[in-house]
């Protein structure tokens, strides 16, 4: 998706959910002055494997909410991959985050069904 966007002249940024939240936690706890502005300004943010990052109470959910809400407000696009179902997303990230992820007015959930390509390649 990122390659196709770049081919069409749309800047994109790919990050795993684990790496994204690691950077947010570092900034939150002031261990580093690592910038996170790029996540809030890129036209297309691609977040891979949401749900695999460590869940830290009051940090993970709030940072994801803040990012999604800011991107929606700025008219920026965010694509997220996850193995979590809608109920699992709601349980893990709250209704506030889930409603922003799955709002049909601003996006589309596309289920991918089939066999895991990693297992097929073995």
PDB file of N, CA and C in Angstrom:
ATOM      1  N   UNK A   1       0.817  -1.178   0.000  1.00  0.00           N
ATOM      2  CA  UNK A   1       0.000   0.000   0.000  1.00  0.00           C
ATOM      3  C   UNK A   1       0.872   1.257   0.000  1.00  0.00           C
ATOM      4  N   UNK A   2       1.905   1.264   0.815  1.00  0.00           N
ATOM      5  CA  UNK A   2       2.819   2.406   0.863  1.00  0.00           C
ATOM      6  C   UNK A   2       3.537   2.623  -0.461  1.00  0.00           C
ATOM      7  N   UNK A   3       3.969   1.528  -1.088  1.00  0.00           N
ATOM      8  CA  UNK A   3       4.643   1.644  -2.384  1.00  0.00           C
ATOM      9  C   UNK A   3       3.705   2.216  -3.444  1.00  0.00           C
ATOM     10  N   UNK A   4       2.478   1.752  -3.470  1.00  0.00           N
ATOM     11  CA  UNK A   4       1.501   2.259  -4.432  1.00  0.00           C
ATOM     12  C   UNK A   4       1.220   3.744  -4.171  1.00  0.00           C
ATOM     13  N   UNK A   5       1.084   4.117  -2.910  1.00  0.00           N
ATOM     14  CA  UNK A   5       0.850   5.524  -2.572  1.00  0.00           C
ATOM     15  C   UNK A   5       2.019   6.389  -3.028  1.00  0.00           C
ATOM     16  N   UNK A   6       3.237   5.971  -2.740  1.00  0.00           N
ATOM     17  CA  UNK A   6       4.414   6.737  -3.160  1.00  0.00           C
ATOM     18  C   UNK A   6       4.502   6.832  -4.678  1.00  0.00           C
ATOM     19  N   UNK A   7       4.150   5.740  -5.351  1.00  0.00           N
ATOM     20  CA  UNK A   7       4.145   5.736  -6.816  1.00  0.00           C
ATOM     21  C   UNK A   7       3.163   6.780  -7.360  1.00  0.00           C
ATOM     22  N   UNK A   8       2.109   7.030  -6.604  1.00  0.00           N
ATOM     23  CA  UNK A   8       1.100   8.025  -7.009  1.00  0.00           C
ATOM     24  C   UNK A   8       1.389   9.407  -6.424  1.00  0.00           C
ATOM     25  N   UNK A   9       2.554   9.568  -5.825  1.00  0.00           N
ATOM     26  CA  UNK A   9       2.954  10.864  -5.313  1.00  0.00           C
ATOM     27  C   UNK A   9       2.463  11.197  -3.915  1.00  0.00           C
ATOM     28  N   UNK A  10       1.982  10.195  -3.176  1.00  0.00           N
ATOM     29  CA  UNK A  10       1.498  10.408  -1.814  1.00  0.00           C
ATOM     30  C   UNK A  10       2.571   9.921  -0.840  1.00  0.00           C
ATOM     31  N   UNK A  11       3.034  10.817   0.007  1.00  0.00           N
ATOM     32  CA  UNK A  11       4.031  10.443   1.010  1.00  0.00           C
ATOM     33  C   UNK A  11       3.389   9.514   2.029  1.00  0.00           C
ATOM     34  N   UNK A  12       4.120   8.457   2.394  1.00  0.00           N
ATOM     35  CA  UNK A  12       3.607   7.524   3.394  1.00  0.00           C
ATOM     36  C   UNK A  12       4.721   7.133   4.351  1.00  0.00           C
ATOM     37  N   UNK A  13       4.298   6.622   5.487  1.00  0.00           N
ATOM     38  CA  UNK A  13       5.234   6.181   6.513  1.00  0.00           C
ATOM     39  C   UNK A  13       4.719   4.865   7.077  1.00  0.00           C
ATOM     40  N   UNK A  14       5.566   3.839   7.052  1.00  0.00           N
ATOM     41  CA  UNK A  14       5.225   2.523   7.592  1.00  0.00           C
ATOM     42  C   UNK A  14       5.886   2.358   8.955  1.00  0.00           C
ATOM     43  N   UNK A  15       5.132   1.853   9.919  1.00  0.00           N
ATOM     44  CA  UNK A  15       5.674   1.578  11.244  1.00  0.00           C
ATOM     45  C   UNK A  15       4.874   0.426  11.855  1.00  0.00           C
ATOM     46  N   UNK A  16       5.562  -0.428  12.600  1.00  0.00           N
ATOM     47  CA  UNK A  16       4.823  -1.453  13.335  1.00  0.00           C
ATOM     48  C   UNK A  16       4.213  -0.797  14.568  1.00  0.00           C
ATOM     49  N   UNK A  17       3.121  -1.351  15.026  1.00  0.00           N
ATOM     50  CA  UNK A  17       2.483  -0.820  16.241  1.00  0.00           C
ATOM     51  C   UNK A  17       3.454  -0.882  17.418  1.00  0.00           C
ATOM     52  N   UNK A  18       4.250  -1.919  17.463  1.00  0.00           N
ATOM     53  CA  UNK A  18       5.228  -2.070  18.544  1.00  0.00           C
ATOM     54  C   UNK A  18       6.222  -0.907  18.533  1.00  0.00           C
ATOM     55  N   UNK A  19       6.792  -0.614  17.364  1.00  0.00           N
ATOM     56  CA  UNK A  19       7.768   0.482  17.274  1.00  0.00           C
ATOM     57  C   UNK A  19       7.126   1.841  17.512  1.00  0.00           C
ATOM     58  N   UNK A  20       5.924   2.030  17.004  1.00  0.00           N
ATOM     59  CA  UNK A  20       5.202   3.280  17.216  1.00  0.00           C
ATOM     60  C   UNK A  20       4.995   3.556  18.697  1.00  0.00           C
ATOM     61  N   UNK A  21       4.483   2.563  19.417  1.00  0.00           N
ATOM     62  CA  UNK A  21       4.222   2.751  20.837  1.00  0.00           C
ATOM     63  C   UNK A  21       5.505   2.829  21.650  1.00  0.00           C
ATOM     64  N   UNK A  22       6.556   2.180  21.208  1.00  0.00           N
ATOM     65  CA  UNK A  22       7.849   2.324  21.896  1.00  0.00           C
ATOM     66  C   UNK A  22       8.321   3.764  21.831  1.00  0.00           C
ATOM     67  N   UNK A  23       8.175   4.383  20.669  1.00  0.00           N
ATOM     68  CA  UNK A  23       8.580   5.787  20.533  1.00  0.00           C
ATOM     69  C   UNK A  23       7.696   6.686  21.372  1.00  0.00           C
ATOM     70  N   UNK A  24       6.403   6.445  21.358  1.00  0.00           N
ATOM     71  CA  UNK A  24       5.495   7.254  22.175  1.00  0.00           C
ATOM     72  C   UNK A  24       5.807   7.104  23.663  1.00  0.00           C
ATOM     73  N   UNK A  25       6.086   5.869  24.103  1.00  0.00           N
ATOM     74  CA  UNK A  25       6.412   5.657  25.521  1.00  0.00           C
ATOM     75  C   UNK A  25       7.704   6.368  25.896  1.00  0.00           C
ATOM     76  N   UNK A  26       8.709   6.314  25.022  1.00  0.00           N
ATOM     77  CA  UNK A  26       9.969   7.004  25.308  1.00  0.00           C
ATOM     78  C   UNK A  26       9.747   8.493  25.509  1.00  0.00           C
ATOM     79  N   UNK A  27       8.942   9.084  24.656  1.00  0.00           N
ATOM     80  CA  UNK A  27       8.647  10.511  24.789  1.00  0.00           C
ATOM     81  C   UNK A  27       7.814  10.761  26.040  1.00  0.00           C
ATOM     82  N   UNK A  28       6.808   9.917  26.268  1.00  0.00           N
ATOM     83  CA  UNK A  28       5.910  10.072  27.414  1.00  0.00           C
ATOM     84  C   UNK A  28       6.680  10.043  28.734  1.00  0.00           C
ATOM     85  N   UNK A  29       7.617   9.126  28.844  1.00  0.00           N
ATOM     86  CA  UNK A  29       8.386   8.999  30.086  1.00  0.00           C
ATOM     87  C   UNK A  29       9.666   9.819  30.053  1.00  0.00           C
ATOM     88  N   UNK A  30       9.851  10.634  29.030  1.00  0.00           N
ATOM     89  CA  UNK A  30      10.966  11.576  28.905  1.00  0.00           C
ATOM     90  C   UNK A  30      12.336  10.924  28.977  1.00  0.00           C
ATOM     91  N   UNK A  31      12.427   9.706  28.522  1.00  0.00           N
ATOM     92  CA  UNK A  31      13.745   9.060  28.491  1.00  0.00           C
ATOM     93  C   UNK A  31      14.575   9.615  27.342  1.00  0.00           C
ATOM     94  N   UNK A  32      13.880  10.013  26.299  1.00  0.00           N
ATOM     95  CA  UNK A  32      14.568  10.589  25.151  1.00  0.00           C
ATOM     96  C   UNK A  32      13.738  11.764  24.646  1.00  0.00           C
ATOM     97  N   UNK A  33      14.325  12.507  23.762  1.00  0.00           N
ATOM     98  CA  UNK A  33      13.588  13.598  23.142  1.00  0.00           C
ATOM     99  C   UNK A  33      13.248  13.229  21.697  1.00  0.00           C
ATOM    100  N   UNK A  34      13.063  11.955  21.479  1.00  0.00           N
ATOM    101  CA  UNK A  34      12.764  11.436  20.157  1.00  0.00           C
ATOM    102  C   UNK A  34      11.475  12.066  19.634  1.00  0.00           C
ATOM    103  N   UNK A  35      11.524  12.612  18.439  1.00  0.00           N
ATOM    104  CA  UNK A  35      10.369  13.287  17.858  1.00  0.00           C
ATOM    105  C   UNK A  35       9.348  12.278  17.346  1.00  0.00           C
ATOM    106  N   UNK A  36       8.082  12.617  17.514  1.00  0.00           N
ATOM    107  CA  UNK A  36       7.003  11.786  16.983  1.00  0.00           C
ATOM    108  C   UNK A  36       6.118  12.582  16.024  1.00  0.00           C
ATOM    109  N   UNK A  37       6.499  13.807  15.714  1.00  0.00           N
ATOM    110  CA  UNK A  37       5.684  14.675  14.867  1.00  0.00           C
ATOM    111  C   UNK A  37       5.385  14.048  13.508  1.00  0.00           C
ATOM    112  N   UNK A  38       6.332  13.289  12.975  1.00  0.00           N
ATOM    113  CA  UNK A  38       6.147  12.695  11.649  1.00  0.00           C
ATOM    114  C   UNK A  38       4.897  11.826  11.580  1.00  0.00           C
ATOM    115  N   UNK A  39       4.515  11.189  12.679  1.00  0.00           N
ATOM    116  CA  UNK A  39       3.320  10.348  12.686  1.00  0.00           C
ATOM    117  C   UNK A  39       2.043  11.177  12.569  1.00  0.00           C
ATOM    118  N   UNK A  40       2.103  12.419  12.998  1.00  0.00           N
ATOM    119  CA  UNK A  40       0.938  13.293  13.016  1.00  0.00           C
ATOM    120  C   UNK A  40       0.831  14.171  11.770  1.00  0.00           C
ATOM    121  N   UNK A  41       1.814  14.093  10.876  1.00  0.00           N
ATOM    122  CA  UNK A  41       1.815  14.985   9.720  1.00  0.00           C
ATOM    123  C   UNK A  41       1.902  14.269   8.377  1.00  0.00           C
ATOM    124  N   UNK A  42       2.252  13.009   8.363  1.00  0.00           N
ATOM    125  CA  UNK A  42       2.392  12.281   7.094  1.00  0.00           C
ATOM    126  C   UNK A  42       1.000  12.046   6.486  1.00  0.00           C
ATOM    127  N   UNK A  43       0.854  12.239   5.180  1.00  0.00           N
ATOM    128  CA  UNK A  43      -0.455  12.060   4.546  1.00  0.00           C
ATOM    129  C   UNK A  43      -1.039  10.652   4.688  1.00  0.00           C
ATOM    130  N   UNK A  44      -0.174   9.629   4.703  1.00  0.00           N
ATOM    131  CA  UNK A  44      -0.636   8.250   4.863  1.00  0.00           C
ATOM    132  C   UNK A  44       0.259   7.534   5.867  1.00  0.00           C
ATOM    133  N   UNK A  45      -0.311   7.226   7.013  1.00  0.00           N
ATOM    134  CA  UNK A  45       0.402   6.490   8.055  1.00  0.00           C
ATOM    135  C   UNK A  45      -0.058   5.045   8.019  1.00  0.00           C
ATOM    136  N   UNK A  46       0.889   4.127   7.893  1.00  0.00           N
ATOM    137  CA  UNK A  46       0.598   2.694   7.846  1.00  0.00           C
ATOM    138  C   UNK A  46       1.086   2.061   9.145  1.00  0.00           C
ATOM    139  N   UNK A  47       0.153   1.566   9.947  1.00  0.00           N
ATOM    140  CA  UNK A  47       0.486   0.940  11.231  1.00  0.00           C
ATOM    141  C   UNK A  47       0.225  -0.554  11.104  1.00  0.00           C
ATOM    142  N   UNK A  48       1.262  -1.344  11.252  1.00  0.00           N
ATOM    143  CA  UNK A  48       1.164  -2.788  11.069  1.00  0.00           C
ATOM    144  C   UNK A  48       1.061  -3.510  12.406  1.00  0.00           C
ATOM    145  N   UNK A  49       0.164  -4.477  12.463  1.00  0.00           N
ATOM    146  CA  UNK A  49       0.057  -5.435  13.571  1.00  0.00           C
ATOM    147  C   UNK A  49      -0.378  -4.804  14.891  1.00  0.00           C
ATOM    148  N   UNK A  50      -1.396  -3.950  14.831  1.00  0.00           N
ATOM    149  CA  UNK A  50      -1.950  -3.381  16.057  1.00  0.00           C
ATOM    150  C   UNK A  50      -2.457  -4.509  16.939  1.00  0.00           C
ATOM    151  N   UNK A  51      -2.082  -4.478  18.179  1.00  0.00           N
ATOM    152  CA  UNK A  51      -2.462  -5.524  19.118  1.00  0.00           C
ATOM    153  C   UNK A  51      -1.283  -6.347  19.585  1.00  0.00           C
ATOM    154  N   UNK A  52      -0.139  -6.189  18.927  1.00  0.00           N
ATOM    155  CA  UNK A  52       1.054  -6.937  19.312  1.00  0.00           C
ATOM    156  C   UNK A  52       1.983  -6.125  20.207  1.00  0.00           C
ATOM    157  N   UNK A  53       1.667  -4.844  20.381  1.00  0.00           N
ATOM    158  CA  UNK A  53       2.490  -3.990  21.231  1.00  0.00           C
ATOM    159  C   UNK A  53       2.125  -4.214  22.696  1.00  0.00           C
ATOM    160  N   UNK A  54       3.068  -3.990  23.601  1.00  0.00           N
ATOM    161  CA  UNK A  54       2.749  -4.118  25.027  1.00  0.00           C
ATOM    162  C   UNK A  54       1.674  -3.099  25.406  1.00  0.00           C
ATOM    163  N   UNK A  55       0.719  -3.529  26.205  1.00  0.00           N
ATOM    164  CA  UNK A  55      -0.365  -2.661  26.638  1.00  0.00           C
ATOM    165  C   UNK A  55      -0.018  -2.097  28.007  1.00  0.00           C
ATOM    166  N   UNK A  56       0.315  -0.816  28.034  1.00  0.00           N
ATOM    167  CA  UNK A  56       0.634  -0.146  29.288  1.00  0.00           C
ATOM    168  C   UNK A  56      -0.535   0.755  29.657  1.00  0.00           C
ATOM    169  N   UNK A  57      -1.126   0.485  30.804  1.00  0.00           N
ATOM    170  CA  UNK A  57      -2.295   1.235  31.244  1.00  0.00           C
ATOM    171  C   UNK A  57      -2.032   2.735  31.213  1.00  0.00           C
ATOM    172  N   UNK A  58      -2.949   3.470  30.710  1.00  0.00           N
ATOM    173  CA  UNK A  58      -2.954   4.930  30.582  1.00  0.00           C
ATOM    174  C   UNK A  58      -1.923   5.481  29.601  1.00  0.00           C
ATOM    175  N   UNK A  59      -1.140   4.642  28.979  1.00  0.00           N
ATOM    176  CA  UNK A  59      -0.183   5.143  27.996  1.00  0.00           C
ATOM    177  C   UNK A  59      -0.583   4.675  26.602  1.00  0.00           C
ATOM    178  N   UNK A  60      -0.637   3.376  26.390  1.00  0.00           N
ATOM    179  CA  UNK A  60      -0.880   2.822  25.062  1.00  0.00           C
ATOM    180  C   UNK A  60      -2.193   3.316  24.470  1.00  0.00           C
ATOM    181  N   UNK A  61      -3.278   3.138  25.182  1.00  0.00           N
ATOM    182  CA  UNK A  61      -4.591   3.495  24.655  1.00  0.00           C
ATOM    183  C   UNK A  61      -4.691   4.998  24.417  1.00  0.00           C
ATOM    184  N   UNK A  62      -4.215   5.796  25.353  1.00  0.00           N
ATOM    185  CA  UNK A  62      -4.302   7.252  25.200  1.00  0.00           C
ATOM    186  C   UNK A  62      -3.454   7.758  24.040  1.00  0.00           C
ATOM    187  N   UNK A  63      -2.299   7.171  23.844  1.00  0.00           N
ATOM    188  CA  UNK A  63      -1.433   7.604  22.743  1.00  0.00           C
ATOM    189  C   UNK A  63      -2.030   7.211  21.391  1.00  0.00           C
ATOM    190  N   UNK A  64      -2.595   6.024  21.296  1.00  0.00           N
ATOM    191  CA  UNK A  64      -3.237   5.608  20.054  1.00  0.00           C
ATOM    192  C   UNK A  64      -4.448   6.488  19.777  1.00  0.00           C
ATOM    193  N   UNK A  65      -5.247   6.744  20.814  1.00  0.00           N
ATOM    194  CA  UNK A  65      -6.412   7.617  20.645  1.00  0.00           C
ATOM    195  C   UNK A  65      -5.977   9.000  20.155  1.00  0.00           C
ATOM    196  N   UNK A  66      -4.983   9.567  20.800  1.00  0.00           N
ATOM    197  CA  UNK A  66      -4.501  10.900  20.438  1.00  0.00           C
ATOM    198  C   UNK A  66      -4.043  10.932  18.982  1.00  0.00           C
ATOM    199  N   UNK A  67      -3.290   9.934  18.566  1.00  0.00           N
ATOM    200  CA  UNK A  67      -2.798   9.868  17.185  1.00  0.00           C
ATOM    201  C   UNK A  67      -3.952   9.756  16.189  1.00  0.00           C
ATOM    202  N   UNK A  68      -4.851   8.803  16.409  1.00  0.00           N
ATOM    203  CA  UNK A  68      -5.967   8.608  15.481  1.00  0.00           C
ATOM    204  C   UNK A  68      -6.855   9.839  15.411  1.00  0.00           C
ATOM    205  N   UNK A  69      -7.147  10.418  16.546  1.00  0.00           N
ATOM    206  CA  UNK A  69      -8.005  11.590  16.597  1.00  0.00           C
ATOM    207  C   UNK A  69      -7.361  12.780  15.888  1.00  0.00           C
ATOM    208  N   UNK A  70      -6.072  12.971  16.106  1.00  0.00           N
ATOM    209  CA  UNK A  70      -5.355  14.078  15.457  1.00  0.00           C
ATOM    210  C   UNK A  70      -5.313  13.883  13.945  1.00  0.00           C
ATOM    211  N   UNK A  71      -5.044  12.670  13.492  1.00  0.00           N
ATOM    212  CA  UNK A  71      -4.996  12.406  12.051  1.00  0.00           C
ATOM    213  C   UNK A  71      -6.362  12.598  11.412  1.00  0.00           C
ATOM    214  N   UNK A  72      -7.409  12.116  12.062  1.00  0.00           N
ATOM    215  CA  UNK A  72      -8.762  12.317  11.541  1.00  0.00           C
ATOM    216  C   UNK A  72      -9.084  13.803  11.452  1.00  0.00           C
ATOM    217  N   UNK A  73      -8.763  14.536  12.501  1.00  0.00           N
ATOM    218  CA  UNK A  73      -9.035  15.966  12.535  1.00  0.00           C
ATOM    219  C   UNK A  73      -8.287  16.742  11.471  1.00  0.00           C
ATOM    220  N   UNK A  74      -7.103  16.276  11.127  1.00  0.00           N
ATOM    221  CA  UNK A  74      -6.281  16.947  10.115  1.00  0.00           C
ATOM    222  C   UNK A  74      -6.572  16.447   8.701  1.00  0.00           C
ATOM    223  N   UNK A  75      -7.471  15.475   8.566  1.00  0.00           N
ATOM    224  CA  UNK A  75      -7.796  14.938   7.253  1.00  0.00           C
ATOM    225  C   UNK A  75      -6.724  14.033   6.685  1.00  0.00           C
ATOM    226  N   UNK A  76      -5.885  13.475   7.553  1.00  0.00           N
ATOM    227  CA  UNK A  76      -4.829  12.561   7.123  1.00  0.00           C
ATOM    228  C   UNK A  76      -5.344  11.127   7.141  1.00  0.00           C
ATOM    229  N   UNK A  77      -4.723  10.281   6.360  1.00  0.00           N
ATOM    230  CA  UNK A  77      -5.154   8.887   6.250  1.00  0.00           C
ATOM    231  C   UNK A  77      -4.281   7.974   7.103  1.00  0.00           C
ATOM    232  N   UNK A  78      -4.931   7.001   7.722  1.00  0.00           N
ATOM    233  CA  UNK A  78      -4.232   6.006   8.516  1.00  0.00           C
ATOM    234  C   UNK A  78      -4.762   4.637   8.129  1.00  0.00           C
ATOM    235  N   UNK A  79      -3.859   3.730   7.798  1.00  0.00           N
ATOM    236  CA  UNK A  79      -4.229   2.344   7.506  1.00  0.00           C
ATOM    237  C   UNK A  79      -3.628   1.474   8.603  1.00  0.00           C
ATOM    238  N   UNK A  80      -4.435   0.575   9.137  1.00  0.00           N
ATOM    239  CA  UNK A  80      -4.013  -0.258  10.261  1.00  0.00           C
ATOM    240  C   UNK A  80      -4.273  -1.716   9.928  1.00  0.00           C
ATOM    241  N   UNK A  81      -3.296  -2.565  10.215  1.00  0.00           N
ATOM    242  CA  UNK A  81      -3.525  -4.007  10.126  1.00  0.00           C
ATOM    243  C   UNK A  81      -3.562  -4.564  11.529  1.00  0.00           C
ATOM    244  N   UNK A  82      -4.401  -5.570  11.726  1.00  0.00           N
ATOM    245  CA  UNK A  82      -4.519  -6.220  13.019  1.00  0.00           C
ATOM    246  C   UNK A  82      -5.124  -7.596  12.845  1.00  0.00           C
ATOM    247  N   UNK A  83      -4.828  -8.479  13.755  1.00  0.00           N
ATOM    248  CA  UNK A  83      -5.465  -9.788  13.784  1.00  0.00           C
ATOM    249  C   UNK A  83      -6.626  -9.791  14.771  1.00  0.00           C
ATOM    250  N   UNK A  84      -6.901  -8.652  15.395  1.00  0.00           N
ATOM    251  CA  UNK A  84      -7.952  -8.570  16.401  1.00  0.00           C
ATOM    252  C   UNK A  84      -9.321  -8.375  15.754  1.00  0.00           C
ATOM    253  N   UNK A  85     -10.321  -8.996  16.334  1.00  0.00           N
ATOM    254  CA  UNK A  85     -11.701  -8.809  15.892  1.00  0.00           C
ATOM    255  C   UNK A  85     -12.232  -7.502  16.478  1.00  0.00           C
ATOM    256  N   UNK A  86     -13.397  -7.080  16.020  1.00  0.00           N
ATOM    257  CA  UNK A  86     -14.020  -5.863  16.552  1.00  0.00           C
ATOM    258  C   UNK A  86     -14.190  -5.937  18.076  1.00  0.00           C
ATOM    259  N   UNK A  87     -14.738  -7.031  18.627  1.00  0.00           N
ATOM    260  CA  UNK A  87     -14.855  -7.108  20.088  1.00  0.00           C
ATOM    261  C   UNK A  87     -13.497  -7.073  20.800  1.00  0.00           C
ATOM    262  N   UNK A  88     -12.494  -7.711  20.212  1.00  0.00           N
ATOM    263  CA  UNK A  88     -11.160  -7.692  20.815  1.00  0.00           C
ATOM    264  C   UNK A  88     -10.555  -6.291  20.780  1.00  0.00           C
ATOM    265  N   UNK A  89     -10.772  -5.557  19.684  1.00  0.00           N
ATOM    266  CA  UNK A  89     -10.303  -4.173  19.610  1.00  0.00           C
ATOM    267  C   UNK A  89     -10.953  -3.336  20.705  1.00  0.00           C
ATOM    268  N   UNK A  90     -12.253  -3.490  20.859  1.00  0.00           N
ATOM    269  CA  UNK A  90     -12.987  -2.719  21.872  1.00  0.00           C
ATOM    270  C   UNK A  90     -12.504  -3.065  23.279  1.00  0.00           C
ATOM    271  N   UNK A  91     -12.293  -4.336  23.554  1.00  0.00           N
ATOM    272  CA  UNK A  91     -11.812  -4.751  24.881  1.00  0.00           C
ATOM    273  C   UNK A  91     -10.419  -4.209  25.170  1.00  0.00           C
ATOM    274  N   UNK A  92      -9.567  -4.223  24.174  1.00  0.00           N
ATOM    275  CA  UNK A  92      -8.173  -3.808  24.373  1.00  0.00           C
ATOM    276  C   UNK A  92      -8.008  -2.288  24.359  1.00  0.00           C
ATOM    277  N   UNK A  93      -8.693  -1.611  23.448  1.00  0.00           N
ATOM    278  CA  UNK A  93      -8.423  -0.188  23.228  1.00  0.00           C
ATOM    279  C   UNK A  93      -9.574   0.747  23.599  1.00  0.00           C
ATOM    280  N   UNK A  94     -10.674   0.259  24.051  1.00  0.00           N
ATOM    281  CA  UNK A  94     -11.868   1.024  24.427  1.00  0.00           C
ATOM    282  C   UNK A  94     -12.707   1.381  23.207  1.00  0.00           C
ATOM    283  N   UNK A  95     -13.924   1.784  23.471  1.00  0.00           N
ATOM    284  CA  UNK A  95     -14.862   2.184  22.421  1.00  0.00           C
ATOM    285  C   UNK A  95     -14.377   3.430  21.691  1.00  0.00           C
ATOM    286  N   UNK A  96     -13.740   4.363  22.392  1.00  0.00           N
ATOM    287  CA  UNK A  96     -13.264   5.610  21.772  1.00  0.00           C
ATOM    288  C   UNK A  96     -12.290   5.327  20.636  1.00  0.00           C
ATOM    289  N   UNK A  97     -11.345   4.455  20.867  1.00  0.00           N
ATOM    290  CA  UNK A  97     -10.351   4.125  19.839  1.00  0.00           C
ATOM    291  C   UNK A  97     -10.997   3.293  18.735  1.00  0.00           C
ATOM    292  N   UNK A  98     -11.760   2.294  19.124  1.00  0.00           N
ATOM    293  CA  UNK A  98     -12.378   1.404  18.147  1.00  0.00           C
ATOM    294  C   UNK A  98     -13.305   2.164  17.213  1.00  0.00           C
ATOM    295  N   UNK A  99     -14.066   3.118  17.736  1.00  0.00           N
ATOM    296  CA  UNK A  99     -14.979   3.876  16.877  1.00  0.00           C
ATOM    297  C   UNK A  99     -14.209   4.700  15.846  1.00  0.00           C
ATOM    298  N   UNK A 100     -13.030   5.173  16.185  1.00  0.00           N
ATOM    299  CA  UNK A 100     -12.224   5.918  15.222  1.00  0.00           C
ATOM    300  C   UNK A 100     -11.586   4.988  14.188  1.00  0.00           C
ATOM    301  N   UNK A 101     -11.218   3.808  14.622  1.00  0.00           N
ATOM    302  CA  UNK A 101     -10.646   2.837  13.688  1.00  0.00           C
ATOM    303  C   UNK A 101     -11.680   2.324  12.690  1.00  0.00           C
ATOM    304  N   UNK A 102     -12.899   2.158  13.139  1.00  0.00           N
ATOM    305  CA  UNK A 102     -13.911   1.490  12.323  1.00  0.00           C
ATOM    306  C   UNK A 102     -15.044   2.401  11.870  1.00  0.00           C
ATOM    307  N   UNK A 103     -14.848   3.707  11.915  1.00  0.00           N
ATOM    308  CA  UNK A 103     -15.876   4.660  11.487  1.00  0.00           C
ATOM    309  C   UNK A 103     -16.066   4.561   9.978  1.00  0.00           C
ATOM    310  N   UNK A 104     -17.239   4.125   9.555  1.00  0.00           N
ATOM    311  CA  UNK A 104     -17.500   3.926   8.131  1.00  0.00           C
ATOM    312  C   UNK A 104     -17.625   5.238   7.361  1.00  0.00           C
ATOM    313  N   UNK A 105     -17.744   6.360   8.061  1.00  0.00           N
ATOM    314  CA  UNK A 105     -17.794   7.650   7.380  1.00  0.00           C
ATOM    315  C   UNK A 105     -16.411   8.086   6.909  1.00  0.00           C
ATOM    316  N   UNK A 106     -15.375   7.582   7.556  1.00  0.00           N
ATOM    317  CA  UNK A 106     -14.015   8.015   7.231  1.00  0.00           C
ATOM    318  C   UNK A 106     -13.110   6.884   6.773  1.00  0.00           C
ATOM    319  N   UNK A 107     -13.608   5.660   6.779  1.00  0.00           N
ATOM    320  CA  UNK A 107     -12.740   4.552   6.399  1.00  0.00           C
ATOM    321  C   UNK A 107     -13.516   3.297   6.094  1.00  0.00           C
ATOM    322  N   UNK A 108     -12.775   2.254   5.915  1.00  0.00           N
ATOM    323  CA  UNK A 108     -13.379   0.969   5.577  1.00  0.00           C
ATOM    324  C   UNK A 108     -12.548  -0.144   6.187  1.00  0.00           C
ATOM    325  N   UNK A 109     -13.229  -1.053   6.858  1.00  0.00           N
ATOM    326  CA  UNK A 109     -12.572  -2.251   7.372  1.00  0.00           C
ATOM    327  C   UNK A 109     -12.613  -3.311   6.278  1.00  0.00           C
ATOM    328  N   UNK A 110     -11.469  -3.844   5.948  1.00  0.00           N
ATOM    329  CA  UNK A 110     -11.379  -4.848   4.894  1.00  0.00           C
ATOM    330  C   UNK A 110     -10.840  -6.138   5.512  1.00  0.00           C
ATOM    331  N   UNK A 111     -11.705  -7.117   5.691  1.00  0.00           N
ATOM    332  CA  UNK A 111     -11.214  -8.384   6.253  1.00  0.00           C
ATOM    333  C   UNK A 111     -10.435  -9.168   5.199  1.00  0.00           C
ATOM    334  N   UNK A 112      -9.323  -9.698   5.616  1.00  0.00           N
ATOM    335  CA  UNK A 112      -8.528 -10.561   4.748  1.00  0.00           C
ATOM    336  C   UNK A 112      -8.684 -11.981   5.268  1.00  0.00           C
ATOM    337  N   UNK A 113      -9.186 -12.823   4.424  1.00  0.00           N
ATOM    338  CA  UNK A 113      -9.406 -14.208   4.804  1.00  0.00           C
ATOM    339  C   UNK A 113      -8.489 -15.097   3.977  1.00  0.00           C
ATOM    340  N   UNK A 114      -8.153 -16.206   4.527  1.00  0.00           N
ATOM    341  CA  UNK A 114      -7.303 -17.132   3.797  1.00  0.00           C
ATOM    342  C   UNK A 114      -6.213 -17.684   4.681  1.00  0.00           C
ATOM    343  N   UNK A 115      -5.275 -18.316   4.038  1.00  0.00           N
ATOM    344  CA  UNK A 115      -4.180 -18.939   4.767  1.00  0.00           C
ATOM    345  C   UNK A 115      -3.045 -17.960   4.990  1.00  0.00           C
ATOM    346  N   UNK A 116      -2.358 -18.153   6.073  1.00  0.00           N
ATOM    347  CA  UNK A 116      -1.209 -17.329   6.420  1.00  0.00           C
ATOM    348  C   UNK A 116      -0.076 -17.616   5.430  1.00  0.00           C
ATOM    349  N   UNK A 117       0.359 -16.589   4.706  1.00  0.00           N
ATOM    350  CA  UNK A 117       1.402 -16.749   3.682  1.00  0.00           C
ATOM    351  C   UNK A 117       2.710 -17.276   4.289  1.00  0.00           C
ATOM    352  N   UNK A 118       2.966 -16.937   5.539  1.00  0.00           N
ATOM    353  CA  UNK A 118       4.204 -17.414   6.195  1.00  0.00           C
ATOM    354  C   UNK A 118       4.174 -18.928   6.365  1.00  0.00           C
ATOM    355  N   UNK A 119       2.987 -19.445   6.651  1.00  0.00           N
ATOM    356  CA  UNK A 119       2.853 -20.910   6.812  1.00  0.00           C
ATOM    357  C   UNK A 119       2.934 -21.609   5.464  1.00  0.00           C
ATOM    358  N   UNK A 120       2.402 -20.990   4.431  1.00  0.00           N
ATOM    359  CA  UNK A 120       2.442 -21.579   3.091  1.00  0.00           C
ATOM    360  C   UNK A 120       3.876 -21.657   2.571  1.00  0.00           C
ATOM    361  N   UNK A 121       4.673 -20.638   2.856  1.00  0.00           N
ATOM    362  CA  UNK A 121       6.058 -20.600   2.372  1.00  0.00           C
ATOM    363  C   UNK A 121       6.955 -21.637   3.033  1.00  0.00           C
ATOM    364  N   UNK A 122       6.561 -22.143   4.181  1.00  0.00           N
ATOM    365  CA  UNK A 122       7.388 -23.137   4.878  1.00  0.00           C
ATOM    366  C   UNK A 122       7.307 -24.395   4.112  1.00  0.00           C
TER     367      UNK A 122
END
